[in-house]
PDB file of N, CA and C in Angstrom:
ATOM      1  N   UNK A   1       0.848  -1.176   0.000  1.00  0.00           N
ATOM      2  CA  UNK A   1       0.000   0.000   0.000  1.00  0.00           C
ATOM      3  C   UNK A   1       0.892   1.236   0.000  1.00  0.00           C
ATOM      4  N   UNK A   2       0.566   2.175  -0.835  1.00  0.00           N
ATOM      5  CA  UNK A   2       1.349   3.400  -0.959  1.00  0.00           C
ATOM      6  C   UNK A   2       0.664   4.527  -0.192  1.00  0.00           C
ATOM      7  N   UNK A   3       1.402   5.140   0.722  1.00  0.00           N
ATOM      8  CA  UNK A   3       0.896   6.288   1.478  1.00  0.00           C
ATOM      9  C   UNK A   3       1.515   7.540   0.868  1.00  0.00           C
ATOM     10  N   UNK A   4       0.676   8.420   0.356  1.00  0.00           N
ATOM     11  CA  UNK A   4       1.165   9.672  -0.211  1.00  0.00           C
ATOM     12  C   UNK A   4       0.474  10.846   0.479  1.00  0.00           C
ATOM     13  N   UNK A   5       0.800  12.047   0.039  1.00  0.00           N
ATOM     14  CA  UNK A   5       0.234  13.242   0.676  1.00  0.00           C
ATOM     15  C   UNK A   5      -1.286  13.273   0.525  1.00  0.00           C
ATOM     16  N   UNK A   6      -1.798  12.785  -0.599  1.00  0.00           N
ATOM     17  CA  UNK A   6      -3.246  12.757  -0.805  1.00  0.00           C
ATOM     18  C   UNK A   6      -3.923  11.858   0.237  1.00  0.00           C
ATOM     19  N   UNK A   7      -3.293  10.724   0.534  1.00  0.00           N
ATOM     20  CA  UNK A   7      -3.833   9.819   1.558  1.00  0.00           C
ATOM     21  C   UNK A   7      -3.799  10.484   2.930  1.00  0.00           C
ATOM     22  N   UNK A   8      -2.723  11.183   3.211  1.00  0.00           N
ATOM     23  CA  UNK A   8      -2.602  11.883   4.503  1.00  0.00           C
ATOM     24  C   UNK A   8      -3.667  12.969   4.606  1.00  0.00           C
ATOM     25  N   UNK A   9      -3.918  13.684   3.513  1.00  0.00           N
ATOM     26  CA  UNK A   9      -4.963  14.709   3.535  1.00  0.00           C
ATOM     27  C   UNK A   9      -6.340  14.097   3.783  1.00  0.00           C
ATOM     28  N   UNK A  10      -6.579  12.921   3.220  1.00  0.00           N
ATOM     29  CA  UNK A  10      -7.858  12.234   3.455  1.00  0.00           C
ATOM     30  C   UNK A  10      -7.965  11.811   4.928  1.00  0.00           C
ATOM     31  N   UNK A  11      -6.876  11.265   5.473  1.00  0.00           N
ATOM     32  CA  UNK A  11      -6.868  10.887   6.891  1.00  0.00           C
ATOM     33  C   UNK A  11      -7.056  12.102   7.786  1.00  0.00           C
ATOM     34  N   UNK A  12      -6.442  13.197   7.402  1.00  0.00           N
ATOM     35  CA  UNK A  12      -6.578  14.441   8.155  1.00  0.00           C
ATOM     36  C   UNK A  12      -8.036  14.889   8.181  1.00  0.00           C
ATOM     37  N   UNK A  13      -8.687  14.802   7.048  1.00  0.00           N
ATOM     38  CA  UNK A  13     -10.095  15.197   6.948  1.00  0.00           C
ATOM     39  C   UNK A  13     -10.994  14.260   7.757  1.00  0.00           C
ATOM     40  N   UNK A  14     -10.760  12.963   7.645  1.00  0.00           N
ATOM     41  CA  UNK A  14     -11.590  11.990   8.365  1.00  0.00           C
ATOM     42  C   UNK A  14     -11.405  12.079   9.877  1.00  0.00           C
ATOM     43  N   UNK A  15     -10.166  12.321  10.303  1.00  0.00           N
ATOM     44  CA  UNK A  15      -9.895  12.366  11.742  1.00  0.00           C
ATOM     45  C   UNK A  15     -10.148  13.736  12.352  1.00  0.00           C
ATOM     46  N   UNK A  16     -10.338  14.745  11.479  1.00  0.00           N
ATOM     47  CA  UNK A  16     -10.568  16.111  11.929  1.00  0.00           C
ATOM     48  C   UNK A  16      -9.415  16.587  12.814  1.00  0.00           C
ATOM     49  N   UNK A  17      -8.187  16.187  12.425  1.00  0.00           N
ATOM     50  CA  UNK A  17      -6.970  16.595  13.123  1.00  0.00           C
ATOM     51  C   UNK A  17      -6.056  17.243  12.094  1.00  0.00           C
ATOM     52  N   UNK A  18      -5.591  18.444  12.394  1.00  0.00           N
ATOM     53  CA  UNK A  18      -4.705  19.140  11.459  1.00  0.00           C
ATOM     54  C   UNK A  18      -3.300  18.557  11.528  1.00  0.00           C
ATOM     55  N   UNK A  19      -2.768  18.210  10.367  1.00  0.00           N
ATOM     56  CA  UNK A  19      -1.412  17.676  10.269  1.00  0.00           C
ATOM     57  C   UNK A  19      -0.562  18.737   9.588  1.00  0.00           C
ATOM     58  N   UNK A  20       0.413  19.261  10.313  1.00  0.00           N
ATOM     59  CA  UNK A  20       1.215  20.357   9.780  1.00  0.00           C
ATOM     60  C   UNK A  20       2.173  19.893   8.690  1.00  0.00           C
ATOM     61  N   UNK A  21       2.974  18.872   8.954  1.00  0.00           N
ATOM     62  CA  UNK A  21       3.962  18.395   7.992  1.00  0.00           C
ATOM     63  C   UNK A  21       3.443  17.115   7.338  1.00  0.00           C
ATOM     64  N   UNK A  22       2.660  17.276   6.285  1.00  0.00           N
ATOM     65  CA  UNK A  22       2.022  16.132   5.624  1.00  0.00           C
ATOM     66  C   UNK A  22       3.050  15.207   4.979  1.00  0.00           C
ATOM     67  N   UNK A  23       4.119  15.778   4.437  1.00  0.00           N
ATOM     68  CA  UNK A  23       5.142  14.957   3.787  1.00  0.00           C
ATOM     69  C   UNK A  23       5.819  14.036   4.813  1.00  0.00           C
ATOM     70  N   UNK A  24       6.180  14.570   5.971  1.00  0.00           N
ATOM     71  CA  UNK A  24       6.810  13.769   7.018  1.00  0.00           C
ATOM     72  C   UNK A  24       5.846  12.705   7.527  1.00  0.00           C
ATOM     73  N   UNK A  25       4.577  13.083   7.690  1.00  0.00           N
ATOM     74  CA  UNK A  25       3.577  12.117   8.153  1.00  0.00           C
ATOM     75  C   UNK A  25       3.421  10.988   7.140  1.00  0.00           C
ATOM     76  N   UNK A  26       3.407  11.325   5.853  1.00  0.00           N
ATOM     77  CA  UNK A  26       3.285  10.303   4.813  1.00  0.00           C
ATOM     78  C   UNK A  26       4.470   9.346   4.878  1.00  0.00           C
ATOM     79  N   UNK A  27       5.672   9.874   5.079  1.00  0.00           N
ATOM     80  CA  UNK A  27       6.864   9.031   5.172  1.00  0.00           C
ATOM     81  C   UNK A  27       6.785   8.102   6.380  1.00  0.00           C
ATOM     82  N   UNK A  28       6.360   8.636   7.513  1.00  0.00           N
ATOM     83  CA  UNK A  28       6.281   7.828   8.729  1.00  0.00           C
ATOM     84  C   UNK A  28       5.204   6.752   8.607  1.00  0.00           C
ATOM     85  N   UNK A  29       4.057   7.110   8.040  1.00  0.00           N
ATOM     86  CA  UNK A  29       2.998   6.117   7.855  1.00  0.00           C
ATOM     87  C   UNK A  29       3.422   5.052   6.857  1.00  0.00           C
ATOM     88  N   UNK A  30       4.130   5.441   5.801  1.00  0.00           N
ATOM     89  CA  UNK A  30       4.617   4.478   4.818  1.00  0.00           C
ATOM     90  C   UNK A  30       5.586   3.494   5.469  1.00  0.00           C
ATOM     91  N   UNK A  31       6.429   3.999   6.363  1.00  0.00           N
ATOM     92  CA  UNK A  31       7.364   3.130   7.080  1.00  0.00           C
ATOM     93  C   UNK A  31       6.620   2.118   7.949  1.00  0.00           C
ATOM     94  N   UNK A  32       5.569   2.572   8.611  1.00  0.00           N
ATOM     95  CA  UNK A  32       4.767   1.677   9.460  1.00  0.00           C
ATOM     96  C   UNK A  32       4.069   0.624   8.617  1.00  0.00           C
ATOM     97  N   UNK A  33       3.462   1.049   7.513  1.00  0.00           N
ATOM     98  CA  UNK A  33       2.739   0.112   6.642  1.00  0.00           C
ATOM     99  C   UNK A  33       3.713  -0.906   6.042  1.00  0.00           C
ATOM    100  N   UNK A  34       4.885  -0.463   5.658  1.00  0.00           N
ATOM    101  CA  UNK A  34       5.881  -1.379   5.102  1.00  0.00           C
ATOM    102  C   UNK A  34       6.288  -2.427   6.133  1.00  0.00           C
ATOM    103  N   UNK A  35       6.450  -1.997   7.367  1.00  0.00           N
ATOM    104  CA  UNK A  35       6.810  -2.942   8.431  1.00  0.00           C
ATOM    105  C   UNK A  35       5.701  -3.980   8.620  1.00  0.00           C
ATOM    106  N   UNK A  36       4.456  -3.524   8.648  1.00  0.00           N
ATOM    107  CA  UNK A  36       3.334  -4.444   8.848  1.00  0.00           C
ATOM    108  C   UNK A  36       3.190  -5.381   7.655  1.00  0.00           C
ATOM    109  N   UNK A  37       3.449  -4.891   6.449  1.00  0.00           N
ATOM    110  CA  UNK A  37       3.350  -5.741   5.263  1.00  0.00           C
ATOM    111  C   UNK A  37       4.385  -6.857   5.277  1.00  0.00           C
ATOM    112  N   UNK A  38       5.500  -6.660   5.982  1.00  0.00           N
ATOM    113  CA  UNK A  38       6.505  -7.723   6.099  1.00  0.00           C
ATOM    114  C   UNK A  38       5.914  -8.940   6.814  1.00  0.00           C
ATOM    115  N   UNK A  39       4.933  -8.729   7.664  1.00  0.00           N
ATOM    116  CA  UNK A  39       4.312  -9.851   8.373  1.00  0.00           C
ATOM    117  C   UNK A  39       3.605 -10.800   7.405  1.00  0.00           C
ATOM    118  N   UNK A  40       3.161 -10.292   6.255  1.00  0.00           N
ATOM    119  CA  UNK A  40       2.514 -11.143   5.254  1.00  0.00           C
ATOM    120  C   UNK A  40       3.483 -12.157   4.663  1.00  0.00           C
ATOM    121  N   UNK A  41       4.784 -11.910   4.761  1.00  0.00           N
ATOM    122  CA  UNK A  41       5.786 -12.820   4.224  1.00  0.00           C
ATOM    123  C   UNK A  41       6.041 -14.021   5.126  1.00  0.00           C
ATOM    124  N   UNK A  42       5.568 -13.979   6.355  1.00  0.00           N
ATOM    125  CA  UNK A  42       5.783 -15.081   7.285  1.00  0.00           C
ATOM    126  C   UNK A  42       4.954 -16.287   6.877  1.00  0.00           C
ATOM    127  N   UNK A  43       5.565 -17.463   6.957  1.00  0.00           N
ATOM    128  CA  UNK A  43       4.862 -18.709   6.658  1.00  0.00           C
ATOM    129  C   UNK A  43       4.205 -19.205   7.944  1.00  0.00           C
ATOM    130  N   UNK A  44       2.890 -19.059   8.011  1.00  0.00           N
ATOM    131  CA  UNK A  44       2.152 -19.456   9.217  1.00  0.00           C
ATOM    132  C   UNK A  44       1.238 -20.650   8.961  1.00  0.00           C
ATOM    133  N   UNK A  45       1.484 -21.376   7.863  1.00  0.00           N
ATOM    134  CA  UNK A  45       0.605 -22.498   7.502  1.00  0.00           C
ATOM    135  C   UNK A  45       0.596 -23.594   8.557  1.00  0.00           C
ATOM    136  N   UNK A  46       1.741 -23.903   9.165  1.00  0.00           N
ATOM    137  CA  UNK A  46       1.826 -25.016  10.121  1.00  0.00           C
ATOM    138  C   UNK A  46       1.766 -24.550  11.570  1.00  0.00           C
ATOM    139  N   UNK A  47       1.294 -23.337  11.796  1.00  0.00           N
ATOM    140  CA  UNK A  47       1.215 -22.812  13.160  1.00  0.00           C
ATOM    141  C   UNK A  47      -0.247 -22.766  13.587  1.00  0.00           C
ATOM    142  N   UNK A  48      -0.511 -23.377  14.742  1.00  0.00           N
ATOM    143  CA  UNK A  48      -1.872 -23.384  15.275  1.00  0.00           C
ATOM    144  C   UNK A  48      -2.224 -22.001  15.817  1.00  0.00           C
ATOM    145  N   UNK A  49      -3.461 -21.552  15.596  1.00  0.00           N
ATOM    146  CA  UNK A  49      -3.878 -20.271  16.185  1.00  0.00           C
ATOM    147  C   UNK A  49      -3.837 -20.360  17.709  1.00  0.00           C
ATOM    148  N   UNK A  50      -3.441 -19.277  18.351  1.00  0.00           N
ATOM    149  CA  UNK A  50      -3.337 -19.258  19.810  1.00  0.00           C
ATOM    150  C   UNK A  50      -4.080 -18.049  20.356  1.00  0.00           C
ATOM    151  N   UNK A  51      -4.646 -18.234  21.519  1.00  0.00           N
ATOM    152  CA  UNK A  51      -5.339 -17.143  22.193  1.00  0.00           C
ATOM    153  C   UNK A  51      -4.498 -16.553  23.311  1.00  0.00           C
ATOM    154  N   UNK A  52      -3.425 -17.277  23.684  1.00  0.00           N
ATOM    155  CA  UNK A  52      -2.528 -16.813  24.730  1.00  0.00           C
ATOM    156  C   UNK A  52      -1.095 -17.007  24.263  1.00  0.00           C
ATOM    157  N   UNK A  53      -0.210 -16.195  24.770  1.00  0.00           N
ATOM    158  CA  UNK A  53       1.202 -16.348  24.455  1.00  0.00           C
ATOM    159  C   UNK A  53       1.759 -17.560  25.189  1.00  0.00           C
ATOM    160  N   UNK A  54       1.394 -17.682  26.438  1.00  0.00           N
ATOM    161  CA  UNK A  54       1.835 -18.819  27.239  1.00  0.00           C
ATOM    162  C   UNK A  54       0.720 -19.843  27.314  1.00  0.00           C
ATOM    163  N   UNK A  55       1.079 -21.088  27.452  1.00  0.00           N
ATOM    164  CA  UNK A  55       0.081 -22.148  27.523  1.00  0.00           C
ATOM    165  C   UNK A  55      -0.320 -22.415  28.973  1.00  0.00           C
ATOM    166  N   UNK A  56      -0.623 -21.343  29.700  1.00  0.00           N
ATOM    167  CA  UNK A  56      -1.010 -21.436  31.103  1.00  0.00           C
ATOM    168  C   UNK A  56      -2.369 -20.762  31.258  1.00  0.00           C
ATOM    169  N   UNK A  57      -3.290 -21.451  31.851  1.00  0.00           N
ATOM    170  CA  UNK A  57      -4.629 -20.905  32.043  1.00  0.00           C
ATOM    171  C   UNK A  57      -4.635 -19.912  33.207  1.00  0.00           C
ATOM    172  N   UNK A  58      -5.528 -18.966  33.124  1.00  0.00           N
ATOM    173  CA  UNK A  58      -5.695 -18.005  34.203  1.00  0.00           C
ATOM    174  C   UNK A  58      -6.430 -18.686  35.353  1.00  0.00           C
ATOM    175  N   UNK A  59      -5.884 -18.619  36.564  1.00  0.00           N
ATOM    176  CA  UNK A  59      -6.577 -19.266  37.691  1.00  0.00           C
ATOM    177  C   UNK A  59      -7.896 -18.551  37.983  1.00  0.00           C
ATOM    178  N   UNK A  60      -8.912 -19.328  38.218  1.00  0.00           N
ATOM    179  CA  UNK A  60     -10.232 -18.770  38.502  1.00  0.00           C
ATOM    180  C   UNK A  60     -10.462 -18.713  40.004  1.00  0.00           C
ATOM    181  N   UNK A  61     -11.275 -17.777  40.426  1.00  0.00           N
ATOM    182  CA  UNK A  61     -11.647 -17.669  41.824  1.00  0.00           C
ATOM    183  C   UNK A  61     -13.120 -17.307  41.884  1.00  0.00           C
ATOM    184  N   UNK A  62     -13.720 -17.526  43.001  1.00  0.00           N
ATOM    185  CA  UNK A  62     -15.110 -17.162  43.190  1.00  0.00           C
ATOM    186  C   UNK A  62     -15.226 -15.639  43.216  1.00  0.00           C
ATOM    187  N   UNK A  63     -16.234 -15.132  42.576  1.00  0.00           N
ATOM    188  CA  UNK A  63     -16.472 -13.691  42.550  1.00  0.00           C
ATOM    189  C   UNK A  63     -17.429 -13.352  43.686  1.00  0.00           C
ATOM    190  N   UNK A  64     -16.848 -13.017  44.824  1.00  0.00           N
ATOM    191  CA  UNK A  64     -17.638 -12.733  45.997  1.00  0.00           C
ATOM    192  C   UNK A  64     -17.488 -11.262  46.381  1.00  0.00           C
ATOM    193  N   UNK A  65     -18.601 -10.558  46.562  1.00  0.00           N
ATOM    194  CA  UNK A  65     -18.501  -9.153  46.963  1.00  0.00           C
ATOM    195  C   UNK A  65     -17.971  -9.041  48.387  1.00  0.00           C
ATOM    196  N   UNK A  66     -17.079  -8.089  48.581  1.00  0.00           N
ATOM    197  CA  UNK A  66     -16.492  -7.861  49.897  1.00  0.00           C
ATOM    198  C   UNK A  66     -16.654  -6.384  50.220  1.00  0.00           C
ATOM    199  N   UNK A  67     -17.249  -6.098  51.348  1.00  0.00           N
ATOM    200  CA  UNK A  67     -17.448  -4.709  51.753  1.00  0.00           C
ATOM    201  C   UNK A  67     -16.214  -4.266  52.521  1.00  0.00           C
ATOM    202  N   UNK A  68     -15.562  -3.242  51.983  1.00  0.00           N
ATOM    203  CA  UNK A  68     -14.374  -2.710  52.647  1.00  0.00           C
ATOM    204  C   UNK A  68     -14.594  -1.246  52.945  1.00  0.00           C
ATOM    205  N   UNK A  69     -13.943  -0.784  53.943  1.00  0.00           N
ATOM    206  CA  UNK A  69     -14.057   0.603  54.353  1.00  0.00           C
ATOM    207  C   UNK A  69     -12.911   1.436  53.775  1.00  0.00           C
ATOM    208  N   UNK A  70     -12.550   1.147  52.552  1.00  0.00           N
ATOM    209  CA  UNK A  70     -11.429   1.843  51.925  1.00  0.00           C
ATOM    210  C   UNK A  70     -11.752   3.314  51.663  1.00  0.00           C
ATOM    211  N   UNK A  71     -13.015   3.629  51.450  1.00  0.00           N
ATOM    212  CA  UNK A  71     -13.400   5.014  51.167  1.00  0.00           C
ATOM    213  C   UNK A  71     -12.993   5.919  52.327  1.00  0.00           C
ATOM    214  N   UNK A  72     -13.245   5.471  53.543  1.00  0.00           N
ATOM    215  CA  UNK A  72     -12.875   6.278  54.706  1.00  0.00           C
ATOM    216  C   UNK A  72     -11.368   6.469  54.777  1.00  0.00           C
ATOM    217  N   UNK A  73     -10.605   5.403  54.473  1.00  0.00           N
ATOM    218  CA  UNK A  73      -9.147   5.510  54.501  1.00  0.00           C
ATOM    219  C   UNK A  73      -8.650   6.496  53.449  1.00  0.00           C
ATOM    220  N   UNK A  74      -9.208   6.440  52.263  1.00  0.00           N
ATOM    221  CA  UNK A  74      -8.775   7.324  51.179  1.00  0.00           C
ATOM    222  C   UNK A  74      -9.131   8.770  51.510  1.00  0.00           C
ATOM    223  N   UNK A  75     -10.329   8.992  51.986  1.00  0.00           N
ATOM    224  CA  UNK A  75     -10.772  10.357  52.272  1.00  0.00           C
ATOM    225  C   UNK A  75     -10.026  10.998  53.442  1.00  0.00           C
ATOM    226  N   UNK A  76      -9.414  10.191  54.289  1.00  0.00           N
ATOM    227  CA  UNK A  76      -8.630  10.784  55.372  1.00  0.00           C
ATOM    228  C   UNK A  76      -7.399  11.506  54.835  1.00  0.00           C
ATOM    229  N   UNK A  77      -6.953  11.159  53.636  1.00  0.00           N
ATOM    230  CA  UNK A  77      -5.790  11.798  53.018  1.00  0.00           C
ATOM    231  C   UNK A  77      -6.183  12.935  52.077  1.00  0.00           C
ATOM    232  N   UNK A  78      -7.471  13.145  51.873  1.00  0.00           N
ATOM    233  CA  UNK A  78      -7.927  14.198  50.963  1.00  0.00           C
ATOM    234  C   UNK A  78      -7.854  15.552  51.654  1.00  0.00           C
ATOM    235  N   UNK A  79      -7.467  16.593  50.898  1.00  0.00           N
ATOM    236  CA  UNK A  79      -7.442  17.929  51.506  1.00  0.00           C
ATOM    237  C   UNK A  79      -8.821  18.368  51.992  1.00  0.00           C
ATOM    238  N   UNK A  80      -9.861  18.044  51.198  1.00  0.00           N
ATOM    239  CA  UNK A  80     -11.234  18.386  51.589  1.00  0.00           C
ATOM    240  C   UNK A  80     -12.152  17.240  51.186  1.00  0.00           C
ATOM    241  N   UNK A  81     -13.050  16.883  52.093  1.00  0.00           N
ATOM    242  CA  UNK A  81     -14.016  15.818  51.817  1.00  0.00           C
ATOM    243  C   UNK A  81     -15.277  16.092  52.625  1.00  0.00           C
ATOM    244  N   UNK A  82     -16.405  15.614  52.082  1.00  0.00           N
ATOM    245  CA  UNK A  82     -17.675  15.787  52.784  1.00  0.00           C
ATOM    246  C   UNK A  82     -18.626  14.685  52.332  1.00  0.00           C
ATOM    247  N   UNK A  83     -19.299  14.059  53.275  1.00  0.00           N
ATOM    248  CA  UNK A  83     -20.303  13.023  53.012  1.00  0.00           C
ATOM    249  C   UNK A  83     -19.781  11.908  52.100  1.00  0.00           C
ATOM    250  N   UNK A  84     -18.519  11.541  52.241  1.00  0.00           N
ATOM    251  CA  UNK A  84     -17.974  10.436  51.463  1.00  0.00           C
ATOM    252  C   UNK A  84     -17.504  10.810  50.068  1.00  0.00           C
ATOM    253  N   UNK A  85     -17.361  12.094  49.782  1.00  0.00           N
ATOM    254  CA  UNK A  85     -16.919  12.552  48.464  1.00  0.00           C
ATOM    255  C   UNK A  85     -15.752  13.520  48.604  1.00  0.00           C
ATOM    256  N   UNK A  86     -14.929  13.597  47.550  1.00  0.00           N
ATOM    257  CA  UNK A  86     -13.881  14.608  47.493  1.00  0.00           C
ATOM    258  C   UNK A  86     -14.519  15.950  47.191  1.00  0.00           C
ATOM    259  N   UNK A  87     -14.000  17.001  47.770  1.00  0.00           N
ATOM    260  CA  UNK A  87     -14.424  18.365  47.432  1.00  0.00           C
ATOM    261  C   UNK A  87     -13.277  18.974  46.631  1.00  0.00           C
ATOM    262  N   UNK A  88     -13.592  19.372  45.394  1.00  0.00           N
ATOM    263  CA  UNK A  88     -12.581  19.918  44.519  1.00  0.00           C
ATOM    264  C   UNK A  88     -13.023  21.308  44.040  1.00  0.00           C
ATOM    265  N   UNK A  89     -12.073  22.140  43.616  1.00  0.00           N
ATOM    266  CA  UNK A  89     -12.460  23.453  43.123  1.00  0.00           C
ATOM    267  C   UNK A  89     -13.210  23.353  41.809  1.00  0.00           C
ATOM    268  N   UNK A  90     -14.112  24.279  41.630  1.00  0.00           N
ATOM    269  CA  UNK A  90     -14.901  24.335  40.390  1.00  0.00           C
ATOM    270  C   UNK A  90     -13.968  24.751  39.253  1.00  0.00           C
ATOM    271  N   UNK A  91     -13.962  23.993  38.150  1.00  0.00           N
ATOM    272  CA  UNK A  91     -13.084  24.329  37.035  1.00  0.00           C
ATOM    273  C   UNK A  91     -13.853  24.749  35.785  1.00  0.00           C
ATOM    274  N   UNK A  92     -15.147  24.509  35.752  1.00  0.00           N
ATOM    275  CA  UNK A  92     -15.975  24.900  34.608  1.00  0.00           C
ATOM    276  C   UNK A  92     -16.913  26.004  35.078  1.00  0.00           C
ATOM    277  N   UNK A  93     -16.812  27.112  34.401  1.00  0.00           N
ATOM    278  CA  UNK A  93     -17.680  28.225  34.761  1.00  0.00           C
ATOM    279  C   UNK A  93     -18.919  28.210  33.879  1.00  0.00           C
ATOM    280  N   UNK A  94     -20.041  28.533  34.455  1.00  0.00           N
ATOM    281  CA  UNK A  94     -21.280  28.532  33.681  1.00  0.00           C
ATOM    282  C   UNK A  94     -21.601  29.891  33.117  1.00  0.00           C
TER     283      UNK A  94
END
């Protein structure tokens, strides 16, 4: 696949992100695409599909709810707290 400035301009339009140096972006994207295309050269005919890198299953445990009083511990370190919530300065003005 060839990445040129026209392709970068299309990506810029679709992503609604301004790209200042389109030529450099095209070169970098072309390098990435070329690297990924090298993966097509790998012979994977005799390789079984895998869902994990290691052949070790994740240990399962019972999903039991546990009530902890962590909120009180966390709020003791907060500069300001009230009724179980952090009090923070208003950052959005109406």
